[in-house]
Amino acid sequence: MKESQNGVRDAALIAAAQKMEHYEMATYGCLHAWAELLGENEVSRLLQSTLEEEGAADRKLSAIAHTLNMDAMNGRDDTREQKRA
């Protein structure tokens, strides 16, 4: 039972983190577009870099979520708990 509770908790934490990443990506995307329109090339470049970093973080969270979900579907225990033991 504890393993399934840990899986649900982990899924909820990842979902919350991804919601935040998506919010940040939307914000940086808008700021990037505005910087381009205003001809602020250096600002635009920095915002694009930040937007790419946020996208990478989102992809990493998706990969972690996929692994956790597959483990849960296959009835595996939380591997992180096993490693700590």
PDB file of N, CA and C in Angstrom:
ATOM      1  N   MET A   1       0.825  -1.199   0.000  1.00  0.00           N
ATOM      2  CA  MET A   1       0.000   0.000   0.000  1.00  0.00           C
ATOM      3  C   MET A   1       0.865   1.256   0.000  1.00  0.00           C
ATOM      4  N   LYS A   2       1.936   1.254   0.785  1.00  0.00           N
ATOM      5  CA  LYS A   2       2.793   2.432   0.881  1.00  0.00           C
ATOM      6  C   LYS A   2       3.397   2.779  -0.479  1.00  0.00           C
ATOM      7  N   GLU A   3       3.764   1.730  -1.254  1.00  0.00           N
ATOM      8  CA  GLU A   3       4.356   1.985  -2.563  1.00  0.00           C
ATOM      9  C   GLU A   3       3.378   2.689  -3.487  1.00  0.00           C
ATOM     10  N   SER A   4       2.113   2.268  -3.439  1.00  0.00           N
ATOM     11  CA  SER A   4       1.117   2.923  -4.305  1.00  0.00           C
ATOM     12  C   SER A   4       0.866   4.352  -3.847  1.00  0.00           C
ATOM     13  N   GLN A   5       0.900   4.594  -2.541  1.00  0.00           N
ATOM     14  CA  GLN A   5       0.742   5.961  -2.040  1.00  0.00           C
ATOM     15  C   GLN A   5       1.915   6.821  -2.481  1.00  0.00           C
ATOM     16  N   ASN A   6       3.121   6.250  -2.441  1.00  0.00           N
ATOM     17  CA  ASN A   6       4.294   6.989  -2.903  1.00  0.00           C
ATOM     18  C   ASN A   6       4.172   7.300  -4.389  1.00  0.00           C
ATOM     19  N   GLY A   7       3.661   6.350  -5.171  1.00  0.00           N
ATOM     20  CA  GLY A   7       3.488   6.572  -6.602  1.00  0.00           C
ATOM     21  C   GLY A   7       2.498   7.675  -6.894  1.00  0.00           C
ATOM     22  N   VAL A   8       1.401   7.684  -6.152  1.00  0.00           N
ATOM     23  CA  VAL A   8       0.389   8.737  -6.328  1.00  0.00           C
ATOM     24  C   VAL A   8       0.980  10.085  -5.932  1.00  0.00           C
ATOM     25  N   ARG A   9       1.704  10.099  -4.810  1.00  0.00           N
ATOM     26  CA  ARG A   9       2.337  11.348  -4.355  1.00  0.00           C
ATOM     27  C   ARG A   9       3.325  11.849  -5.409  1.00  0.00           C
ATOM     28  N   ASP A  10       4.162  10.941  -5.916  1.00  0.00           N
ATOM     29  CA  ASP A  10       5.142  11.338  -6.923  1.00  0.00           C
ATOM     30  C   ASP A  10       4.467  11.868  -8.184  1.00  0.00           C
ATOM     31  N   ALA A  11       3.396  11.208  -8.614  1.00  0.00           N
ATOM     32  CA  ALA A  11       2.675  11.659  -9.808  1.00  0.00           C
ATOM     33  C   ALA A  11       2.092  13.054  -9.593  1.00  0.00           C
ATOM     34  N   ALA A  12       1.554  13.292  -8.394  1.00  0.00           N
ATOM     35  CA  ALA A  12       0.986  14.612  -8.096  1.00  0.00           C
ATOM     36  C   ALA A  12       2.072  15.685  -8.076  1.00  0.00           C
ATOM     37  N   LEU A  13       3.228  15.366  -7.511  1.00  0.00           N
ATOM     38  CA  LEU A  13       4.330  16.333  -7.481  1.00  0.00           C
ATOM     39  C   LEU A  13       4.832  16.649  -8.881  1.00  0.00           C
ATOM     40  N   ILE A  14       4.947  15.629  -9.711  1.00  0.00           N
ATOM     41  CA  ILE A  14       5.403  15.853 -11.086  1.00  0.00           C
ATOM     42  C   ILE A  14       4.375  16.679 -11.850  1.00  0.00           C
ATOM     43  N   ALA A  15       3.100  16.383 -11.665  1.00  0.00           N
ATOM     44  CA  ALA A  15       2.052  17.156 -12.349  1.00  0.00           C
ATOM     45  C   ALA A  15       2.112  18.619 -11.936  1.00  0.00           C
ATOM     46  N   ALA A  16       2.317  18.868 -10.656  1.00  0.00           N
ATOM     47  CA  ALA A  16       2.408  20.251 -10.173  1.00  0.00           C
ATOM     48  C   ALA A  16       3.633  20.947 -10.760  1.00  0.00           C
ATOM     49  N   ALA A  17       4.749  20.237 -10.802  1.00  0.00           N
ATOM     50  CA  ALA A  17       5.970  20.824 -11.368  1.00  0.00           C
ATOM     51  C   ALA A  17       5.788  21.117 -12.857  1.00  0.00           C
ATOM     52  N   GLN A  18       5.125  20.213 -13.570  1.00  0.00           N
ATOM     53  CA  GLN A  18       4.905  20.450 -14.998  1.00  0.00           C
ATOM     54  C   GLN A  18       3.942  21.603 -15.233  1.00  0.00           C
ATOM     55  N   LYS A  19       2.950  21.751 -14.392  1.00  0.00           N
ATOM     56  CA  LYS A  19       2.050  22.900 -14.518  1.00  0.00           C
ATOM     57  C   LYS A  19       2.843  24.195 -14.399  1.00  0.00           C
ATOM     58  N   MET A  20       3.776  24.214 -13.459  1.00  0.00           N
ATOM     59  CA  MET A  20       4.607  25.400 -13.272  1.00  0.00           C
ATOM     60  C   MET A  20       5.499  25.631 -14.488  1.00  0.00           C
ATOM     61  N   GLU A  21       6.106  24.568 -15.002  1.00  0.00           N
ATOM     62  CA  GLU A  21       6.952  24.697 -16.198  1.00  0.00           C
ATOM     63  C   GLU A  21       6.143  25.265 -17.364  1.00  0.00           C
ATOM     64  N   HIS A  22       4.935  24.775 -17.546  1.00  0.00           N
ATOM     65  CA  HIS A  22       4.111  25.246 -18.665  1.00  0.00           C
ATOM     66  C   HIS A  22       3.741  26.718 -18.488  1.00  0.00           C
ATOM     67  N   TYR A  23       3.459  27.104 -17.264  1.00  0.00           N
ATOM     68  CA  TYR A  23       3.166  28.503 -16.971  1.00  0.00           C
ATOM     69  C   TYR A  23       4.386  29.370 -17.305  1.00  0.00           C
ATOM     70  N   GLU A  24       5.561  28.914 -16.869  1.00  0.00           N
ATOM     71  CA  GLU A  24       6.793  29.657 -17.149  1.00  0.00           C
ATOM     72  C   GLU A  24       7.062  29.725 -18.653  1.00  0.00           C
ATOM     73  N   MET A  25       6.848  28.607 -19.354  1.00  0.00           N
ATOM     74  CA  MET A  25       7.087  28.597 -20.798  1.00  0.00           C
ATOM     75  C   MET A  25       6.162  29.573 -21.512  1.00  0.00           C
ATOM     76  N   ALA A  26       4.916  29.639 -21.096  1.00  0.00           N
ATOM     77  CA  ALA A  26       3.977  30.581 -21.708  1.00  0.00           C
ATOM     78  C   ALA A  26       4.430  32.019 -21.473  1.00  0.00           C
ATOM     79  N   THR A  27       4.884  32.285 -20.263  1.00  0.00           N
ATOM     80  CA  THR A  27       5.344  33.635 -19.924  1.00  0.00           C
ATOM     81  C   THR A  27       6.584  34.011 -20.721  1.00  0.00           C
ATOM     82  N   TYR A  28       7.589  33.128 -20.706  1.00  0.00           N
ATOM     83  CA  TYR A  28       8.822  33.417 -21.451  1.00  0.00           C
ATOM     84  C   TYR A  28       8.562  33.508 -22.950  1.00  0.00           C
ATOM     85  N   GLY A  29       7.632  32.696 -23.448  1.00  0.00           N
ATOM     86  CA  GLY A  29       7.295  32.754 -24.867  1.00  0.00           C
ATOM     87  C   GLY A  29       6.708  34.107 -25.255  1.00  0.00           C
ATOM     88  N   CYS A  30       5.811  34.620 -24.435  1.00  0.00           N
ATOM     89  CA  CYS A  30       5.224  35.944 -24.694  1.00  0.00           C
ATOM     90  C   CYS A  30       6.280  37.041 -24.606  1.00  0.00           C
ATOM     91  N   LEU A  31       7.097  36.990 -23.561  1.00  0.00           N
ATOM     92  CA  LEU A  31       8.145  38.001 -23.407  1.00  0.00           C
ATOM     93  C   LEU A  31       9.125  37.963 -24.569  1.00  0.00           C
ATOM     94  N   HIS A  32       9.442  36.747 -25.021  1.00  0.00           N
ATOM     95  CA  HIS A  32      10.355  36.595 -26.170  1.00  0.00           C
ATOM     96  C   HIS A  32       9.759  37.250 -27.414  1.00  0.00           C
ATOM     97  N   ALA A  33       8.473  36.994 -27.654  1.00  0.00           N
ATOM     98  CA  ALA A  33       7.805  37.584 -28.828  1.00  0.00           C
ATOM     99  C   ALA A  33       7.798  39.104 -28.734  1.00  0.00           C
ATOM    100  N   TRP A  34       7.532  39.636 -27.546  1.00  0.00           N
ATOM    101  CA  TRP A  34       7.519  41.092 -27.378  1.00  0.00           C
ATOM    102  C   TRP A  34       8.908  41.683 -27.592  1.00  0.00           C
ATOM    103  N   ALA A  35       9.923  41.002 -27.070  1.00  0.00           N
ATOM    104  CA  ALA A  35      11.299  41.491 -27.241  1.00  0.00           C
ATOM    105  C   ALA A  35      11.659  41.530 -28.720  1.00  0.00           C
ATOM    106  N   GLU A  36      11.256  40.512 -29.464  1.00  0.00           N
ATOM    107  CA  GLU A  36      11.519  40.508 -30.908  1.00  0.00           C
ATOM    108  C   GLU A  36      10.815  41.675 -31.597  1.00  0.00           C
ATOM    109  N   LEU A  37       9.559  41.888 -31.251  1.00  0.00           N
ATOM    110  CA  LEU A  37       8.800  42.982 -31.861  1.00  0.00           C
ATOM    111  C   LEU A  37       9.418  44.348 -31.567  1.00  0.00           C
ATOM    112  N   LEU A  38      10.015  44.466 -30.396  1.00  0.00           N
ATOM    113  CA  LEU A  38      10.635  45.739 -30.011  1.00  0.00           C
ATOM    114  C   LEU A  38      12.082  45.863 -30.494  1.00  0.00           C
ATOM    115  N   GLY A  39      12.567  44.835 -31.169  1.00  0.00           N
ATOM    116  CA  GLY A  39      13.938  44.871 -31.677  1.00  0.00           C
ATOM    117  C   GLY A  39      14.991  44.704 -30.591  1.00  0.00           C
ATOM    118  N   GLU A  40      14.614  44.147 -29.462  1.00  0.00           N
ATOM    119  CA  GLU A  40      15.540  43.902 -28.350  1.00  0.00           C
ATOM    120  C   GLU A  40      16.195  42.535 -28.557  1.00  0.00           C
ATOM    121  N   ASN A  41      17.205  42.516 -29.437  1.00  0.00           N
ATOM    122  CA  ASN A  41      17.800  41.249 -29.854  1.00  0.00           C
ATOM    123  C   ASN A  41      18.472  40.481 -28.721  1.00  0.00           C
ATOM    124  N   GLU A  42      19.215  41.150 -27.862  1.00  0.00           N
ATOM    125  CA  GLU A  42      19.897  40.461 -26.766  1.00  0.00           C
ATOM    126  C   GLU A  42      18.883  39.911 -25.766  1.00  0.00           C
ATOM    127  N   VAL A  43      17.877  40.689 -25.454  1.00  0.00           N
ATOM    128  CA  VAL A  43      16.825  40.234 -24.543  1.00  0.00           C
ATOM    129  C   VAL A  43      16.097  39.044 -25.163  1.00  0.00           C
ATOM    130  N   SER A  44      15.802  39.153 -26.446  1.00  0.00           N
ATOM    131  CA  SER A  44      15.129  38.075 -27.157  1.00  0.00           C
ATOM    132  C   SER A  44      15.953  36.789 -27.107  1.00  0.00           C
ATOM    133  N   ARG A  45      17.258  36.920 -27.318  1.00  0.00           N
ATOM    134  CA  ARG A  45      18.145  35.752 -27.290  1.00  0.00           C
ATOM    135  C   ARG A  45      18.154  35.107 -25.906  1.00  0.00           C
ATOM    136  N   LEU A  46      18.237  35.921 -24.870  1.00  0.00           N
ATOM    137  CA  LEU A  46      18.249  35.398 -23.502  1.00  0.00           C
ATOM    138  C   LEU A  46      16.924  34.715 -23.143  1.00  0.00           C
ATOM    139  N   LEU A  47      15.833  35.323 -23.552  1.00  0.00           N
ATOM    140  CA  LEU A  47      14.527  34.723 -23.278  1.00  0.00           C
ATOM    141  C   LEU A  47      14.342  33.416 -24.038  1.00  0.00           C
ATOM    142  N   GLN A  48      14.843  33.355 -25.265  1.00  0.00           N
ATOM    143  CA  GLN A  48      14.763  32.108 -26.033  1.00  0.00           C
ATOM    144  C   GLN A  48      15.576  31.010 -25.345  1.00  0.00           C
ATOM    145  N   SER A  49      16.732  31.369 -24.837  1.00  0.00           N
ATOM    146  CA  SER A  49      17.563  30.402 -24.114  1.00  0.00           C
ATOM    147  C   SER A  49      16.839  29.888 -22.867  1.00  0.00           C
ATOM    148  N   THR A  50      16.225  30.799 -22.137  1.00  0.00           N
ATOM    149  CA  THR A  50      15.476  30.416 -20.943  1.00  0.00           C
ATOM    150  C   THR A  50      14.289  29.535 -21.308  1.00  0.00           C
ATOM    151  N   LEU A  51      13.611  29.872 -22.391  1.00  0.00           N
ATOM    152  CA  LEU A  51      12.476  29.081 -22.855  1.00  0.00           C
ATOM    153  C   LEU A  51      12.919  27.658 -23.203  1.00  0.00           C
ATOM    154  N   GLU A  52      14.068  27.528 -23.835  1.00  0.00           N
ATOM    155  CA  GLU A  52      14.593  26.197 -24.162  1.00  0.00           C
ATOM    156  C   GLU A  52      14.946  25.413 -22.899  1.00  0.00           C
ATOM    157  N   GLU A  53      15.491  26.081 -21.890  1.00  0.00           N
ATOM    158  CA  GLU A  53      15.791  25.420 -20.614  1.00  0.00           C
ATOM    159  C   GLU A  53      14.519  24.911 -19.945  1.00  0.00           C
ATOM    160  N   GLU A  54      13.481  25.718 -19.982  1.00  0.00           N
ATOM    161  CA  GLU A  54      12.205  25.307 -19.399  1.00  0.00           C
ATOM    162  C   GLU A  54      11.632  24.109 -20.151  1.00  0.00           C
ATOM    163  N   GLY A  55      11.768  24.119 -21.462  1.00  0.00           N
ATOM    164  CA  GLY A  55      11.302  22.982 -22.263  1.00  0.00           C
ATOM    165  C   GLY A  55      12.065  21.715 -21.922  1.00  0.00           C
ATOM    166  N   ALA A  56      13.367  21.839 -21.706  1.00  0.00           N
ATOM    167  CA  ALA A  56      14.179  20.681 -21.326  1.00  0.00           C
ATOM    168  C   ALA A  56      13.747  20.147 -19.966  1.00  0.00           C
ATOM    169  N   ALA A  57      13.462  21.047 -19.036  1.00  0.00           N
ATOM    170  CA  ALA A  57      12.988  20.620 -17.714  1.00  0.00           C
ATOM    171  C   ALA A  57      11.657  19.890 -17.836  1.00  0.00           C
ATOM    172  N   ASP A  58      10.769  20.390 -18.677  1.00  0.00           N
ATOM    173  CA  ASP A  58       9.477  19.751 -18.882  1.00  0.00           C
ATOM    174  C   ASP A  58       9.644  18.359 -19.487  1.00  0.00           C
ATOM    175  N   ARG A  59      10.538  18.229 -20.464  1.00  0.00           N
ATOM    176  CA  ARG A  59      10.786  16.908 -21.071  1.00  0.00           C
ATOM    177  C   ARG A  59      11.367  15.931 -20.048  1.00  0.00           C
ATOM    178  N   LYS A  60      12.241  16.421 -19.183  1.00  0.00           N
ATOM    179  CA  LYS A  60      12.818  15.568 -18.150  1.00  0.00           C
ATOM    180  C   LYS A  60      11.731  15.091 -17.181  1.00  0.00           C
ATOM    181  N   LEU A  61      10.854  16.000 -16.783  1.00  0.00           N
ATOM    182  CA  LEU A  61       9.752  15.622 -15.903  1.00  0.00           C
ATOM    183  C   LEU A  61       8.825  14.611 -16.580  1.00  0.00           C
ATOM    184  N   SER A  62       8.583  14.792 -17.875  1.00  0.00           N
ATOM    185  CA  SER A  62       7.749  13.834 -18.612  1.00  0.00           C
ATOM    186  C   SER A  62       8.384  12.452 -18.631  1.00  0.00           C
ATOM    187  N   ALA A  63       9.697  12.400 -18.816  1.00  0.00           N
ATOM    188  CA  ALA A  63      10.401  11.111 -18.835  1.00  0.00           C
ATOM    189  C   ALA A  63      10.308  10.432 -17.465  1.00  0.00           C
ATOM    190  N   ILE A  64      10.480  11.197 -16.406  1.00  0.00           N
ATOM    191  CA  ILE A  64      10.373  10.639 -15.055  1.00  0.00           C
ATOM    192  C   ILE A  64       8.960  10.123 -14.813  1.00  0.00           C
ATOM    193  N   ALA A  65       7.965  10.926 -15.192  1.00  0.00           N
ATOM    194  CA  ALA A  65       6.571  10.514 -15.016  1.00  0.00           C
ATOM    195  C   ALA A  65       6.285   9.235 -15.794  1.00  0.00           C
ATOM    196  N   HIS A  66       6.798   9.144 -17.001  1.00  0.00           N
ATOM    197  CA  HIS A  66       6.580   7.949 -17.824  1.00  0.00           C
ATOM    198  C   HIS A  66       7.151   6.714 -17.126  1.00  0.00           C
ATOM    199  N   THR A  67       8.367   6.842 -16.616  1.00  0.00           N
ATOM    200  CA  THR A  67       8.994   5.712 -15.918  1.00  0.00           C
ATOM    201  C   THR A  67       8.190   5.311 -14.687  1.00  0.00           C
ATOM    202  N   LEU A  68       7.792   6.294 -13.885  1.00  0.00           N
ATOM    203  CA  LEU A  68       6.991   5.993 -12.696  1.00  0.00           C
ATOM    204  C   LEU A  68       5.669   5.339 -13.058  1.00  0.00           C
ATOM    205  N   ASN A  69       5.029   5.837 -14.098  1.00  0.00           N
ATOM    206  CA  ASN A  69       3.741   5.271 -14.501  1.00  0.00           C
ATOM    207  C   ASN A  69       3.899   3.845 -15.019  1.00  0.00           C
ATOM    208  N   MET A  70       4.963   3.612 -15.780  1.00  0.00           N
ATOM    209  CA  MET A  70       5.206   2.254 -16.286  1.00  0.00           C
ATOM    210  C   MET A  70       5.494   1.307 -15.126  1.00  0.00           C
ATOM    211  N   ASP A  71       6.288   1.753 -14.161  1.00  0.00           N
ATOM    212  CA  ASP A  71       6.569   0.929 -12.986  1.00  0.00           C
ATOM    213  C   ASP A  71       5.277   0.599 -12.241  1.00  0.00           C
ATOM    214  N   ALA A  72       4.414   1.589 -12.086  1.00  0.00           N
ATOM    215  CA  ALA A  72       3.146   1.374 -11.389  1.00  0.00           C
ATOM    216  C   ALA A  72       2.262   0.387 -12.145  1.00  0.00           C
ATOM    217  N   MET A  73       2.211   0.516 -13.455  1.00  0.00           N
ATOM    218  CA  MET A  73       1.402  -0.389 -14.266  1.00  0.00           C
ATOM    219  C   MET A  73       1.918  -1.819 -14.197  1.00  0.00           C
ATOM    220  N   ASN A  74       3.231  -1.960 -14.072  1.00  0.00           N
ATOM    221  CA  ASN A  74       3.841  -3.285 -14.029  1.00  0.00           C
ATOM    222  C   ASN A  74       3.921  -3.841 -12.612  1.00  0.00           C
ATOM    223  N   GLY A  75       3.364  -3.102 -11.649  1.00  0.00           N
ATOM    224  CA  GLY A  75       3.317  -3.574 -10.282  1.00  0.00           C
ATOM    225  C   GLY A  75       4.649  -3.546  -9.565  1.00  0.00           C
ATOM    226  N   ARG A  76       5.570  -2.729 -10.054  1.00  0.00           N
ATOM    227  CA  ARG A  76       6.870  -2.632  -9.403  1.00  0.00           C
ATOM    228  C   ARG A  76       6.783  -1.726  -8.198  1.00  0.00           C
ATOM    229  N   ASP A  77       7.613  -2.037  -7.200  1.00  0.00           N
ATOM    230  CA  ASP A  77       7.728  -1.156  -6.039  1.00  0.00           C
ATOM    231  C   ASP A  77       8.429   0.115  -6.460  1.00  0.00           C
ATOM    232  N   ASP A  78       8.307   1.131  -5.641  1.00  0.00           N
ATOM    233  CA  ASP A  78       9.015   2.391  -5.852  1.00  0.00           C
ATOM    234  C   ASP A  78      10.514   2.116  -5.745  1.00  0.00           C
ATOM    235  N   THR A  79      11.211   2.186  -6.878  1.00  0.00           N
ATOM    236  CA  THR A  79      12.630   1.825  -6.902  1.00  0.00           C
ATOM    237  C   THR A  79      13.472   2.744  -6.047  1.00  0.00           C
ATOM    238  N   ARG A  80      13.035   3.973  -5.864  1.00  0.00           N
ATOM    239  CA  ARG A  80      13.801   4.893  -5.023  1.00  0.00           C
ATOM    240  C   ARG A  80      13.757   4.444  -3.573  1.00  0.00           C
ATOM    241  N   GLU A  81      12.608   3.922  -3.140  1.00  0.00           N
ATOM    242  CA  GLU A  81      12.495   3.429  -1.769  1.00  0.00           C
ATOM    243  C   GLU A  81      13.398   2.228  -1.578  1.00  0.00           C
ATOM    244  N   GLN A  82      13.492   1.373  -2.595  1.00  0.00           N
ATOM    245  CA  GLN A  82      14.342   0.199  -2.496  1.00  0.00           C
ATOM    246  C   GLN A  82      15.807   0.599  -2.388  1.00  0.00           C
ATOM    247  N   LYS A  83      16.220   1.603  -3.131  1.00  0.00           N
ATOM    248  CA  LYS A  83      17.600   2.040  -3.112  1.00  0.00           C
ATOM    249  C   LYS A  83      17.982   2.619  -1.764  1.00  0.00           C
ATOM    250  N   ARG A  84      17.022   3.270  -1.085  1.00  0.00           N
ATOM    251  CA  ARG A  84      17.306   3.875   0.218  1.00  0.00           C
ATOM    252  C   ARG A  84      17.466   2.820   1.303  1.00  0.00           C
ATOM    253  N   ALA A  85      16.787   1.682   1.118  1.00  0.00           N
ATOM    254  CA  ALA A  85      16.801   0.633   2.147  1.00  0.00           C
ATOM    255  C   ALA A  85      18.147  -0.063   2.262  1.00  0.00           C
TER     256      ALA A  85
END
